[in-house]
PDB file of N, CA and C in Angstrom:
ATOM      1  N   MET A   1     -29.021  27.839  19.826  1.00  0.00           N
ATOM      2  CA  MET A   1     -30.035  26.798  19.895  1.00  0.00           C
ATOM      3  C   MET A   1     -29.382  25.434  19.706  1.00  0.00           C
ATOM      4  N   SER A   2     -29.937  24.441  20.346  1.00  0.00           N
ATOM      5  CA  SER A   2     -29.417  23.084  20.202  1.00  0.00           C
ATOM      6  C   SER A   2     -30.188  22.284  19.170  1.00  0.00           C
ATOM      7  N   VAL A   3     -31.263  22.858  18.618  1.00  0.00           N
ATOM      8  CA  VAL A   3     -32.061  22.160  17.614  1.00  0.00           C
ATOM      9  C   VAL A   3     -31.541  22.535  16.231  1.00  0.00           C
ATOM     10  N   PRO A   4     -31.106  21.544  15.445  1.00  0.00           N
ATOM     11  CA  PRO A   4     -30.593  21.864  14.116  1.00  0.00           C
ATOM     12  C   PRO A   4     -31.709  22.260  13.163  1.00  0.00           C
ATOM     13  N   THR A   5     -31.338  22.973  12.132  1.00  0.00           N
ATOM     14  CA  THR A   5     -32.246  23.280  11.030  1.00  0.00           C
ATOM     15  C   THR A   5     -31.618  22.730   9.764  1.00  0.00           C
ATOM     16  N   LEU A   6     -32.456  22.420   8.800  1.00  0.00           N
ATOM     17  CA  LEU A   6     -31.959  21.870   7.544  1.00  0.00           C
ATOM     18  C   LEU A   6     -31.231  22.952   6.770  1.00  0.00           C
ATOM     19  N   GLY A   7     -29.959  22.701   6.461  1.00  0.00           N
ATOM     20  CA  GLY A   7     -29.181  23.653   5.681  1.00  0.00           C
ATOM     21  C   GLY A   7     -29.341  23.418   4.198  1.00  0.00           C
ATOM     22  N   ALA A   8     -29.200  22.158   3.770  1.00  0.00           N
ATOM     23  CA  ALA A   8     -29.280  21.832   2.353  1.00  0.00           C
ATOM     24  C   ALA A   8     -29.419  20.327   2.185  1.00  0.00           C
ATOM     25  N   VAL A   9     -29.877  19.940   1.033  1.00  0.00           N
ATOM     26  CA  VAL A   9     -29.830  18.562   0.573  1.00  0.00           C
ATOM     27  C   VAL A   9     -28.627  18.493  -0.358  1.00  0.00           C
ATOM     28  N   VAL A  10     -27.786  17.468  -0.206  1.00  0.00           N
ATOM     29  CA  VAL A  10     -26.572  17.344  -1.016  1.00  0.00           C
ATOM     30  C   VAL A  10     -26.665  16.078  -1.857  1.00  0.00           C
ATOM     31  N   LEU A  11     -26.473  16.224  -3.164  1.00  0.00           N
ATOM     32  CA  LEU A  11     -26.468  15.086  -4.074  1.00  0.00           C
ATOM     33  C   LEU A  11     -25.058  14.862  -4.608  1.00  0.00           C
ATOM     34  N   ASP A  12     -24.544  13.642  -4.453  1.00  0.00           N
ATOM     35  CA  ASP A  12     -23.284  13.264  -5.084  1.00  0.00           C
ATOM     36  C   ASP A  12     -23.544  13.064  -6.574  1.00  0.00           C
ATOM     37  N   CYS A  13     -22.556  13.366  -7.404  1.00  0.00           N
ATOM     38  CA  CYS A  13     -22.759  13.266  -8.852  1.00  0.00           C
ATOM     39  C   CYS A  13     -21.414  13.282  -9.580  1.00  0.00           C
ATOM     40  N   PRO A  14     -21.411  12.922 -10.862  1.00  0.00           N
ATOM     41  CA  PRO A  14     -20.161  12.935 -11.615  1.00  0.00           C
ATOM     42  C   PRO A  14     -19.792  14.315 -12.161  1.00  0.00           C
ATOM     43  N   ASP A  15     -20.772  15.226 -12.278  1.00  0.00           N
ATOM     44  CA  ASP A  15     -20.534  16.545 -12.865  1.00  0.00           C
ATOM     45  C   ASP A  15     -21.401  17.557 -12.123  1.00  0.00           C
ATOM     46  N   ALA A  16     -20.849  18.157 -11.066  1.00  0.00           N
ATOM     47  CA  ALA A  16     -21.622  19.055 -10.207  1.00  0.00           C
ATOM     48  C   ALA A  16     -22.215  20.247 -10.959  1.00  0.00           C
ATOM     49  N   PRO A  17     -21.458  20.962 -11.801  1.00  0.00           N
ATOM     50  CA  PRO A  17     -22.056  22.095 -12.505  1.00  0.00           C
ATOM     51  C   PRO A  17     -23.216  21.684 -13.420  1.00  0.00           C
ATOM     52  N   ALA A  18     -23.076  20.554 -14.114  1.00  0.00           N
ATOM     53  CA  ALA A  18     -24.134  20.127 -15.029  1.00  0.00           C
ATOM     54  C   ALA A  18     -25.395  19.720 -14.277  1.00  0.00           C
ATOM     55  N   LEU A  19     -25.253  18.991 -13.173  1.00  0.00           N
ATOM     56  CA  LEU A  19     -26.442  18.570 -12.436  1.00  0.00           C
ATOM     57  C   LEU A  19     -27.096  19.756 -11.735  1.00  0.00           C
ATOM     58  N   ALA A  20     -26.301  20.693 -11.243  1.00  0.00           N
ATOM     59  CA  ALA A  20     -26.861  21.907 -10.649  1.00  0.00           C
ATOM     60  C   ALA A  20     -27.657  22.691 -11.687  1.00  0.00           C
ATOM     61  N   ALA A  21     -27.136  22.796 -12.898  1.00  0.00           N
ATOM     62  CA  ALA A  21     -27.850  23.507 -13.968  1.00  0.00           C
ATOM     63  C   ALA A  21     -29.152  22.794 -14.319  1.00  0.00           C
ATOM     64  N   PHE A  22     -29.144  21.446 -14.338  1.00  0.00           N
ATOM     65  CA  PHE A  22     -30.363  20.685 -14.613  1.00  0.00           C
ATOM     66  C   PHE A  22     -31.439  21.010 -13.575  1.00  0.00           C
ATOM     67  N   TYR A  23     -31.105  20.916 -12.288  1.00  0.00           N
ATOM     68  CA  TYR A  23     -32.112  21.167 -11.256  1.00  0.00           C
ATOM     69  C   TYR A  23     -32.523  22.634 -11.194  1.00  0.00           C
ATOM     70  N   ALA A  24     -31.616  23.557 -11.443  1.00  0.00           N
ATOM     71  CA  ALA A  24     -31.996  24.972 -11.484  1.00  0.00           C
ATOM     72  C   ALA A  24     -33.033  25.194 -12.585  1.00  0.00           C
ATOM     73  N   ALA A  25     -32.822  24.592 -13.750  1.00  0.00           N
ATOM     74  CA  ALA A  25     -33.788  24.733 -14.842  1.00  0.00           C
ATOM     75  C   ALA A  25     -35.090  24.014 -14.516  1.00  0.00           C
ATOM     76  N   LEU A  26     -35.015  22.792 -13.989  1.00  0.00           N
ATOM     77  CA  LEU A  26     -36.209  22.015 -13.671  1.00  0.00           C
ATOM     78  C   LEU A  26     -37.085  22.727 -12.650  1.00  0.00           C
ATOM     79  N   LEU A  27     -36.465  23.293 -11.614  1.00  0.00           N
ATOM     80  CA  LEU A  27     -37.204  23.954 -10.543  1.00  0.00           C
ATOM     81  C   LEU A  27     -37.461  25.433 -10.820  1.00  0.00           C
ATOM     82  N   ASP A  28     -36.927  25.945 -11.913  1.00  0.00           N
ATOM     83  CA  ASP A  28     -37.013  27.370 -12.260  1.00  0.00           C
ATOM     84  C   ASP A  28     -36.416  28.229 -11.141  1.00  0.00           C
ATOM     85  N   TRP A  29     -35.271  27.787 -10.642  1.00  0.00           N
ATOM     86  CA  TRP A  29     -34.507  28.524  -9.642  1.00  0.00           C
ATOM     87  C   TRP A  29     -33.394  29.286 -10.351  1.00  0.00           C
ATOM     88  N   PRO A  30     -32.804  30.262  -9.693  1.00  0.00           N
ATOM     89  CA  PRO A  30     -31.669  30.965 -10.302  1.00  0.00           C
ATOM     90  C   PRO A  30     -30.534  29.989 -10.634  1.00  0.00           C
ATOM     91  N   ALA A  31     -29.852  30.267 -11.718  1.00  0.00           N
ATOM     92  CA  ALA A  31     -28.720  29.432 -12.138  1.00  0.00           C
ATOM     93  C   ALA A  31     -27.623  29.485 -11.082  1.00  0.00           C
ATOM     94  N   PRO A  32     -26.854  28.416 -10.971  1.00  0.00           N
ATOM     95  CA  PRO A  32     -25.748  28.439 -10.005  1.00  0.00           C
ATOM     96  C   PRO A  32     -24.708  29.473 -10.392  1.00  0.00           C
ATOM     97  N   GLU A  33     -24.008  29.968  -9.386  1.00  0.00           N
ATOM     98  CA  GLU A  33     -22.913  30.902  -9.628  1.00  0.00           C
ATOM     99  C   GLU A  33     -21.800  30.175 -10.379  1.00  0.00           C
ATOM    100  N   PRO A  34     -21.212  30.795 -11.391  1.00  0.00           N
ATOM    101  CA  PRO A  34     -20.111  30.132 -12.103  1.00  0.00           C
ATOM    102  C   PRO A  34     -18.879  30.024 -11.209  1.00  0.00           C
ATOM    103  N   GLY A  35     -18.040  29.051 -11.526  1.00  0.00           N
ATOM    104  CA  GLY A  35     -16.767  28.935 -10.834  1.00  0.00           C
ATOM    105  C   GLY A  35     -16.577  27.661 -10.056  1.00  0.00           C
ATOM    106  N   GLY A  36     -17.643  27.068  -9.557  1.00  0.00           N
ATOM    107  CA  GLY A  36     -17.484  25.836  -8.791  1.00  0.00           C
ATOM    108  C   GLY A  36     -17.426  24.626  -9.701  1.00  0.00           C
ATOM    109  N   ASP A  37     -16.545  23.705  -9.409  1.00  0.00           N
ATOM    110  CA  ASP A  37     -16.476  22.475 -10.189  1.00  0.00           C
ATOM    111  C   ASP A  37     -16.789  21.254  -9.335  1.00  0.00           C
ATOM    112  N   GLU A  38     -16.291  21.229  -8.110  1.00  0.00           N
ATOM    113  CA  GLU A  38     -16.475  20.060  -7.262  1.00  0.00           C
ATOM    114  C   GLU A  38     -17.620  20.221  -6.276  1.00  0.00           C
ATOM    115  N   TRP A  39     -18.080  21.449  -6.062  1.00  0.00           N
ATOM    116  CA  TRP A  39     -19.189  21.723  -5.144  1.00  0.00           C
ATOM    117  C   TRP A  39     -19.959  22.908  -5.706  1.00  0.00           C
ATOM    118  N   VAL A  40     -21.216  22.702  -6.027  1.00  0.00           N
ATOM    119  CA  VAL A  40     -22.042  23.760  -6.613  1.00  0.00           C
ATOM    120  C   VAL A  40     -23.369  23.782  -5.867  1.00  0.00           C
ATOM    121  N   SER A  41     -23.888  24.982  -5.606  1.00  0.00           N
ATOM    122  CA  SER A  41     -25.154  25.134  -4.888  1.00  0.00           C
ATOM    123  C   SER A  41     -26.159  25.899  -5.731  1.00  0.00           C
ATOM    124  N   ILE A  42     -27.428  25.527  -5.562  1.00  0.00           N
ATOM    125  CA  ILE A  42     -28.530  26.335  -6.092  1.00  0.00           C
ATOM    126  C   ILE A  42     -29.451  26.645  -4.924  1.00  0.00           C
ATOM    127  N   LYS A  43     -30.149  27.786  -5.007  1.00  0.00           N
ATOM    128  CA  LYS A  43     -30.924  28.240  -3.865  1.00  0.00           C
ATOM    129  C   LYS A  43     -32.146  29.019  -4.339  1.00  0.00           C
ATOM    130  N   SER A  44     -33.242  28.826  -3.603  1.00  0.00           N
ATOM    131  CA  SER A  44     -34.443  29.630  -3.791  1.00  0.00           C
ATOM    132  C   SER A  44     -35.026  29.882  -2.414  1.00  0.00           C
ATOM    133  N   GLY A  45     -35.047  31.147  -2.000  1.00  0.00           N
ATOM    134  CA  GLY A  45     -35.486  31.450  -0.639  1.00  0.00           C
ATOM    135  C   GLY A  45     -34.562  30.764   0.351  1.00  0.00           C
ATOM    136  N   SER A  46     -35.140  30.020   1.284  1.00  0.00           N
ATOM    137  CA  SER A  46     -34.313  29.315   2.267  1.00  0.00           C
ATOM    138  C   SER A  46     -33.992  27.880   1.833  1.00  0.00           C
ATOM    139  N   ALA A  47     -34.533  27.439   0.708  1.00  0.00           N
ATOM    140  CA  ALA A  47     -34.259  26.080   0.213  1.00  0.00           C
ATOM    141  C   ALA A  47     -32.952  26.068  -0.580  1.00  0.00           C
ATOM    142  N   ARG A  48     -32.139  25.044  -0.346  1.00  0.00           N
ATOM    143  CA  ARG A  48     -30.857  24.941  -1.049  1.00  0.00           C
ATOM    144  C   ARG A  48     -30.575  23.482  -1.372  1.00  0.00           C
ATOM    145  N   ILE A  49     -30.064  23.244  -2.582  1.00  0.00           N
ATOM    146  CA  ILE A  49     -29.572  21.933  -2.981  1.00  0.00           C
ATOM    147  C   ILE A  49     -28.116  22.116  -3.380  1.00  0.00           C
ATOM    148  N   ASP A  50     -27.252  21.262  -2.822  1.00  0.00           N
ATOM    149  CA  ASP A  50     -25.828  21.284  -3.147  1.00  0.00           C
ATOM    150  C   ASP A  50     -25.491  20.042  -3.955  1.00  0.00           C
ATOM    151  N   PHE A  51     -24.489  20.174  -4.804  1.00  0.00           N
ATOM    152  CA  PHE A  51     -24.056  19.092  -5.678  1.00  0.00           C
ATOM    153  C   PHE A  51     -22.565  18.891  -5.470  1.00  0.00           C
ATOM    154  N   GLN A  52     -22.200  17.690  -5.051  1.00  0.00           N
ATOM    155  CA  GLN A  52     -20.805  17.362  -4.755  1.00  0.00           C
ATOM    156  C   GLN A  52     -20.290  16.402  -5.810  1.00  0.00           C
ATOM    157  N   GLN A  53     -19.261  16.833  -6.524  1.00  0.00           N
ATOM    158  CA  GLN A  53     -18.672  15.998  -7.576  1.00  0.00           C
ATOM    159  C   GLN A  53     -17.846  14.890  -6.940  1.00  0.00           C
ATOM    160  N   ILE A  54     -18.117  13.652  -7.365  1.00  0.00           N
ATOM    161  CA  ILE A  54     -17.463  12.468  -6.812  1.00  0.00           C
ATOM    162  C   ILE A  54     -16.747  11.722  -7.938  1.00  0.00           C
ATOM    163  N   GLU A  55     -15.490  11.426  -7.713  1.00  0.00           N
ATOM    164  CA  GLU A  55     -14.741  10.625  -8.685  1.00  0.00           C
ATOM    165  C   GLU A  55     -15.286   9.197  -8.663  1.00  0.00           C
ATOM    166  N   ASN A  56     -15.395   8.594  -9.817  1.00  0.00           N
ATOM    167  CA  ASN A  56     -15.902   7.221  -9.958  1.00  0.00           C
ATOM    168  C   ASN A  56     -17.330   7.062  -9.444  1.00  0.00           C
ATOM    169  N   TYR A  57     -18.146   8.100  -9.617  1.00  0.00           N
ATOM    170  CA  TYR A  57     -19.546   8.068  -9.182  1.00  0.00           C
ATOM    171  C   TYR A  57     -20.295   6.933  -9.877  1.00  0.00           C
ATOM    172  N   LEU A  58     -21.125   6.232  -9.126  1.00  0.00           N
ATOM    173  CA  LEU A  58     -22.001   5.196  -9.663  1.00  0.00           C
ATOM    174  C   LEU A  58     -23.429   5.555  -9.297  1.00  0.00           C
ATOM    175  N   ALA A  59     -24.284   5.666 -10.292  1.00  0.00           N
ATOM    176  CA  ALA A  59     -25.678   6.041 -10.063  1.00  0.00           C
ATOM    177  C   ALA A  59     -26.421   4.940  -9.318  1.00  0.00           C
ATOM    178  N   PRO A  60     -27.425   5.317  -8.522  1.00  0.00           N
ATOM    179  CA  PRO A  60     -28.241   4.298  -7.884  1.00  0.00           C
ATOM    180  C   PRO A  60     -29.041   3.523  -8.928  1.00  0.00           C
ATOM    181  N   THR A  61     -29.322   2.277  -8.620  1.00  0.00           N
ATOM    182  CA  THR A  61     -30.187   1.477  -9.472  1.00  0.00           C
ATOM    183  C   THR A  61     -31.598   1.601  -8.913  1.00  0.00           C
ATOM    184  N   TRP A  62     -32.569   1.677  -9.785  1.00  0.00           N
ATOM    185  CA  TRP A  62     -33.945   1.880  -9.328  1.00  0.00           C
ATOM    186  C   TRP A  62     -34.843   0.853  -9.960  1.00  0.00           C
ATOM    187  N   PRO A  63     -35.769   0.295  -9.252  1.00  0.00           N
ATOM    188  CA  PRO A  63     -36.091   0.497  -7.833  1.00  0.00           C
ATOM    189  C   PRO A  63     -35.280  -0.392  -6.901  1.00  0.00           C
ATOM    190  N   VAL A  64     -34.628  -1.419  -7.431  1.00  0.00           N
ATOM    191  CA  VAL A  64     -33.781  -2.296  -6.614  1.00  0.00           C
ATOM    192  C   VAL A  64     -32.502  -2.556  -7.387  1.00  0.00           C
ATOM    193  N   GLY A  65     -31.633  -3.365  -6.842  1.00  0.00           N
ATOM    194  CA  GLY A  65     -30.422  -3.714  -7.561  1.00  0.00           C
ATOM    195  C   GLY A  65     -29.200  -3.569  -6.708  1.00  0.00           C
ATOM    196  N   GLU A  66     -28.075  -3.528  -7.380  1.00  0.00           N
ATOM    197  CA  GLU A  66     -26.783  -3.479  -6.713  1.00  0.00           C
ATOM    198  C   GLU A  66     -26.606  -2.230  -5.844  1.00  0.00           C
ATOM    199  N   ARG A  67     -27.126  -1.095  -6.304  1.00  0.00           N
ATOM    200  CA  ARG A  67     -27.023   0.172  -5.579  1.00  0.00           C
ATOM    201  C   ARG A  67     -28.414   0.791  -5.466  1.00  0.00           C
ATOM    202  N   PRO A  68     -29.288   0.246  -4.604  1.00  0.00           N
ATOM    203  CA  PRO A  68     -30.661   0.755  -4.534  1.00  0.00           C
ATOM    204  C   PRO A  68     -30.708   2.198  -4.044  1.00  0.00           C
ATOM    205  N   GLN A  69     -31.740   2.893  -4.488  1.00  0.00           N
ATOM    206  CA  GLN A  69     -31.891   4.272  -4.039  1.00  0.00           C
ATOM    207  C   GLN A  69     -32.024   4.308  -2.528  1.00  0.00           C
ATOM    208  N   GLN A  70     -31.467   5.329  -1.925  1.00  0.00           N
ATOM    209  CA  GLN A  70     -31.594   5.504  -0.489  1.00  0.00           C
ATOM    210  C   GLN A  70     -32.262   6.832  -0.181  1.00  0.00           C
ATOM    211  N   PHE A  71     -32.532   7.598  -1.214  1.00  0.00           N
ATOM    212  CA  PHE A  71     -33.029   8.956  -1.053  1.00  0.00           C
ATOM    213  C   PHE A  71     -33.575   9.404  -2.392  1.00  0.00           C
ATOM    214  N   HIS A  72     -34.654  10.175  -2.393  1.00  0.00           N
ATOM    215  CA  HIS A  72     -35.114  10.786  -3.633  1.00  0.00           C
ATOM    216  C   HIS A  72     -35.879  12.060  -3.318  1.00  0.00           C
ATOM    217  N   LEU A  73     -36.052  12.896  -4.313  1.00  0.00           N
ATOM    218  CA  LEU A  73     -36.802  14.137  -4.179  1.00  0.00           C
ATOM    219  C   LEU A  73     -38.216  13.930  -4.697  1.00  0.00           C
ATOM    220  N   ASP A  74     -39.208  14.436  -3.976  1.00  0.00           N
ATOM    221  CA  ASP A  74     -40.578  14.521  -4.463  1.00  0.00           C
ATOM    222  C   ASP A  74     -40.822  15.980  -4.832  1.00  0.00           C
ATOM    223  N   LEU A  75     -41.097  16.226  -6.089  1.00  0.00           N
ATOM    224  CA  LEU A  75     -41.318  17.583  -6.586  1.00  0.00           C
ATOM    225  C   LEU A  75     -42.793  17.743  -6.934  1.00  0.00           C
ATOM    226  N   SER A  76     -43.465  18.668  -6.273  1.00  0.00           N
ATOM    227  CA  SER A  76     -44.898  18.887  -6.480  1.00  0.00           C
ATOM    228  C   SER A  76     -45.146  19.663  -7.763  1.00  0.00           C
ATOM    229  N   VAL A  77     -46.148  19.210  -8.532  1.00  0.00           N
ATOM    230  CA  VAL A  77     -46.517  19.874  -9.790  1.00  0.00           C
ATOM    231  C   VAL A  77     -48.032  19.951  -9.880  1.00  0.00           C
ATOM    232  N   ALA A  78     -48.534  20.947 -10.599  1.00  0.00           N
ATOM    233  CA  ALA A  78     -49.976  21.088 -10.814  1.00  0.00           C
ATOM    234  C   ALA A  78     -50.437  20.300 -12.036  1.00  0.00           C
ATOM    235  N   ASP A  79     -49.599  20.231 -13.055  1.00  0.00           N
ATOM    236  CA  ASP A  79     -49.938  19.562 -14.315  1.00  0.00           C
ATOM    237  C   ASP A  79     -48.887  18.506 -14.595  1.00  0.00           C
ATOM    238  N   LEU A  80     -49.196  17.260 -14.244  1.00  0.00           N
ATOM    239  CA  LEU A  80     -48.219  16.175 -14.348  1.00  0.00           C
ATOM    240  C   LEU A  80     -47.720  15.955 -15.775  1.00  0.00           C
ATOM    241  N   PRO A  81     -48.589  15.847 -16.785  1.00  0.00           N
ATOM    242  CA  PRO A  81     -48.085  15.639 -18.149  1.00  0.00           C
ATOM    243  C   PRO A  81     -47.192  16.787 -18.639  1.00  0.00           C
ATOM    244  N   ALA A  82     -47.571  18.018 -18.353  1.00  0.00           N
ATOM    245  CA  ALA A  82     -46.761  19.160 -18.797  1.00  0.00           C
ATOM    246  C   ALA A  82     -45.410  19.176 -18.080  1.00  0.00           C
ATOM    247  N   ALA A  83     -45.415  18.900 -16.770  1.00  0.00           N
ATOM    248  CA  ALA A  83     -44.164  18.873 -16.011  1.00  0.00           C
ATOM    249  C   ALA A  83     -43.272  17.728 -16.487  1.00  0.00           C
ATOM    250  N   ALA A  84     -43.891  16.601 -16.827  1.00  0.00           N
ATOM    251  CA  ALA A  84     -43.127  15.456 -17.323  1.00  0.00           C
ATOM    252  C   ALA A  84     -42.450  15.781 -18.647  1.00  0.00           C
ATOM    253  N   GLU A  85     -43.176  16.396 -19.548  1.00  0.00           N
ATOM    254  CA  GLU A  85     -42.607  16.776 -20.844  1.00  0.00           C
ATOM    255  C   GLU A  85     -41.440  17.737 -20.657  1.00  0.00           C
ATOM    256  N   ARG A  86     -41.601  18.681 -19.749  1.00  0.00           N
ATOM    257  CA  ARG A  86     -40.536  19.643 -19.470  1.00  0.00           C
ATOM    258  C   ARG A  86     -39.314  18.949 -18.877  1.00  0.00           C
ATOM    259  N   ALA A  87     -39.525  18.051 -17.918  1.00  0.00           N
ATOM    260  CA  ALA A  87     -38.406  17.353 -17.280  1.00  0.00           C
ATOM    261  C   ALA A  87     -37.617  16.535 -18.297  1.00  0.00           C
ATOM    262  N   VAL A  88     -38.313  15.807 -19.147  1.00  0.00           N
ATOM    263  CA  VAL A  88     -37.636  15.003 -20.168  1.00  0.00           C
ATOM    264  C   VAL A  88     -36.885  15.910 -21.137  1.00  0.00           C
ATOM    265  N   GLY A  89     -37.481  17.034 -21.495  1.00  0.00           N
ATOM    266  CA  GLY A  89     -36.819  17.987 -22.379  1.00  0.00           C
ATOM    267  C   GLY A  89     -35.533  18.546 -21.793  1.00  0.00           C
ATOM    268  N   LEU A  90     -35.455  18.578 -20.461  1.00  0.00           N
ATOM    269  CA  LEU A  90     -34.258  19.079 -19.784  1.00  0.00           C
ATOM    270  C   LEU A  90     -33.210  17.988 -19.559  1.00  0.00           C
ATOM    271  N   GLY A  91     -33.576  16.731 -19.832  1.00  0.00           N
ATOM    272  CA  GLY A  91     -32.601  15.654 -19.701  1.00  0.00           C
ATOM    273  C   GLY A  91     -32.971  14.549 -18.735  1.00  0.00           C
ATOM    274  N   ALA A  92     -34.158  14.604 -18.133  1.00  0.00           N
ATOM    275  CA  ALA A  92     -34.590  13.533 -17.234  1.00  0.00           C
ATOM    276  C   ALA A  92     -34.975  12.303 -18.047  1.00  0.00           C
ATOM    277  N   LYS A  93     -34.903  11.144 -17.406  1.00  0.00           N
ATOM    278  CA  LYS A  93     -35.279   9.890 -18.045  1.00  0.00           C
ATOM    279  C   LYS A  93     -36.456   9.290 -17.271  1.00  0.00           C
ATOM    280  N   LEU A  94     -37.526   8.954 -17.971  1.00  0.00           N
ATOM    281  CA  LEU A  94     -38.689   8.331 -17.340  1.00  0.00           C
ATOM    282  C   LEU A  94     -38.326   6.940 -16.843  1.00  0.00           C
ATOM    283  N   LEU A  95     -38.667   6.659 -15.577  1.00  0.00           N
ATOM    284  CA  LEU A  95     -38.462   5.329 -15.011  1.00  0.00           C
ATOM    285  C   LEU A  95     -39.780   4.581 -14.819  1.00  0.00           C
ATOM    286  N   ASP A  96     -40.846   5.311 -14.424  1.00  0.00           N
ATOM    287  CA  ASP A  96     -42.121   4.647 -14.148  1.00  0.00           C
ATOM    288  C   ASP A  96     -43.248   5.672 -14.166  1.00  0.00           C
ATOM    289  N   ASP A  97     -44.212   5.461 -15.054  1.00  0.00           N
ATOM    290  CA  ASP A  97     -45.379   6.342 -15.097  1.00  0.00           C
ATOM    291  C   ASP A  97     -46.669   5.553 -14.884  1.00  0.00           C
ATOM    292  N   SER A  98     -46.596   4.491 -14.095  1.00  0.00           N
ATOM    293  CA  SER A  98     -47.761   3.627 -13.897  1.00  0.00           C
ATOM    294  C   SER A  98     -48.748   4.162 -12.863  1.00  0.00           C
ATOM    295  N   ALA A  99     -48.323   5.047 -11.977  1.00  0.00           N
ATOM    296  CA  ALA A  99     -49.235   5.605 -10.981  1.00  0.00           C
ATOM    297  C   ALA A  99     -49.985   6.795 -11.568  1.00  0.00           C
ATOM    298  N   GLU A 100     -51.163   7.049 -11.043  1.00  0.00           N
ATOM    299  CA  GLU A 100     -51.971   8.169 -11.546  1.00  0.00           C
ATOM    300  C   GLU A 100     -51.471   9.521 -11.079  1.00  0.00           C
ATOM    301  N   THR A 101     -50.952   9.600  -9.856  1.00  0.00           N
ATOM    302  CA  THR A 101     -50.645  10.909  -9.278  1.00  0.00           C
ATOM    303  C   THR A 101     -49.159  11.237  -9.173  1.00  0.00           C
ATOM    304  N   PHE A 102     -48.274  10.293  -9.472  1.00  0.00           N
ATOM    305  CA  PHE A 102     -46.842  10.604  -9.470  1.00  0.00           C
ATOM    306  C   PHE A 102     -46.130   9.710 -10.478  1.00  0.00           C
ATOM    307  N   TRP A 103     -45.089  10.273 -11.077  1.00  0.00           N
ATOM    308  CA  TRP A 103     -44.258   9.533 -12.025  1.00  0.00           C
ATOM    309  C   TRP A 103     -42.815   9.651 -11.569  1.00  0.00           C
ATOM    310  N   VAL A 104     -42.052   8.596 -11.813  1.00  0.00           N
ATOM    311  CA  VAL A 104     -40.670   8.524 -11.345  1.00  0.00           C
ATOM    312  C   VAL A 104     -39.720   8.748 -12.522  1.00  0.00           C
ATOM    313  N   TYR A 105     -38.717   9.569 -12.289  1.00  0.00           N
ATOM    314  CA  TYR A 105     -37.712   9.905 -13.301  1.00  0.00           C
ATOM    315  C   TYR A 105     -36.331   9.738 -12.704  1.00  0.00           C
ATOM    316  N   ALA A 106     -35.326   9.711 -13.554  1.00  0.00           N
ATOM    317  CA  ALA A 106     -33.931   9.801 -13.131  1.00  0.00           C
ATOM    318  C   ALA A 106     -33.369  11.107 -13.673  1.00  0.00           C
ATOM    319  N   ASP A 107     -32.624  11.810 -12.844  1.00  0.00           N
ATOM    320  CA  ASP A 107     -31.950  13.015 -13.326  1.00  0.00           C
ATOM    321  C   ASP A 107     -30.767  12.587 -14.195  1.00  0.00           C
ATOM    322  N   PRO A 108     -30.064  13.516 -14.822  1.00  0.00           N
ATOM    323  CA  PRO A 108     -28.955  13.129 -15.706  1.00  0.00           C
ATOM    324  C   PRO A 108     -27.841  12.325 -15.033  1.00  0.00           C
ATOM    325  N   ALA A 109     -27.739  12.385 -13.698  1.00  0.00           N
ATOM    326  CA  ALA A 109     -26.734  11.593 -12.994  1.00  0.00           C
ATOM    327  C   ALA A 109     -27.307  10.272 -12.484  1.00  0.00           C
ATOM    328  N   GLY A 110     -28.602  10.025 -12.726  1.00  0.00           N
ATOM    329  CA  GLY A 110     -29.220   8.765 -12.345  1.00  0.00           C
ATOM    330  C   GLY A 110     -29.966   8.764 -11.028  1.00  0.00           C
ATOM    331  N   HIS A 111     -30.028   9.905 -10.314  1.00  0.00           N
ATOM    332  CA  HIS A 111     -30.785   9.961  -9.065  1.00  0.00           C
ATOM    333  C   HIS A 111     -32.276   9.919  -9.375  1.00  0.00           C
ATOM    334  N   PRO A 112     -33.032   9.034  -8.749  1.00  0.00           N
ATOM    335  CA  PRO A 112     -34.480   9.040  -8.930  1.00  0.00           C
ATOM    336  C   PRO A 112     -35.114  10.279  -8.297  1.00  0.00           C
ATOM    337  N   PHE A 113     -36.149  10.798  -8.934  1.00  0.00           N
ATOM    338  CA  PHE A 113     -36.991  11.824  -8.350  1.00  0.00           C
ATOM    339  C   PHE A 113     -38.403  11.633  -8.867  1.00  0.00           C
ATOM    340  N   CYS A 114     -39.378  12.120  -8.108  1.00  0.00           N
ATOM    341  CA  CYS A 114     -40.773  11.965  -8.497  1.00  0.00           C
ATOM    342  C   CYS A 114     -41.387  13.322  -8.795  1.00  0.00           C
ATOM    343  N   LEU A 115     -42.165  13.372  -9.853  1.00  0.00           N
ATOM    344  CA  LEU A 115     -43.046  14.493 -10.103  1.00  0.00           C
ATOM    345  C   LEU A 115     -44.397  14.076  -9.531  1.00  0.00           C
ATOM    346  N   CYS A 116     -44.894  14.857  -8.588  1.00  0.00           N
ATOM    347  CA  CYS A 116     -46.092  14.472  -7.832  1.00  0.00           C
ATOM    348  C   CYS A 116     -47.211  15.486  -8.007  1.00  0.00           C
ATOM    349  N   ALA A 117     -48.339  15.002  -8.484  1.00  0.00           N
ATOM    350  CA  ALA A 117     -49.558  15.828  -8.564  1.00  0.00           C
ATOM    351  C   ALA A 117     -50.542  15.255  -7.554  1.00  0.00           C
ATOM    352  N   CYS A 118     -50.101  15.176  -6.315  1.00  0.00           N
ATOM    353  CA  CYS A 118     -50.887  14.534  -5.245  1.00  0.00           C
ATOM    354  C   CYS A 118     -51.631  15.564  -4.427  1.00  0.00           C
TER     355      CYS A 118
END
C-alpha cells in the first residue's frame, strides 16, 4: 500500500526509561521492556509511544516562550479531578486548570499534555 499508517508517536526526552515508565503508569499500559536506555517504547494494542533520549534536551516552554510547544497529547478521562490527582502523584506538574473540561500538565520531561473530560 502507498498510504502510510501511524506507527508511533515519539517524544524526545532527557531520560527515556523514566519518561516511558511515567506514561506507562499514567495510561495504565504495560511497563516498558527493560534494557533500553536511548530508545524505549510502550504499547497498548496498536497504539505505541516511543521515547528517544536526547543529549542536552531542553523542555518546551508553555504556552509561549523561547521553545514553544509544537505538539502535545490529549488524554481522555471520565473524572477530571481524580485523573489530575493521579497524574500529579505520578510526577506531572499542573500548568493550567482554568478550563472546565480540560487541564494542562507537563510530564516529568516538560512536555505539555492535556487531561480532557470533553
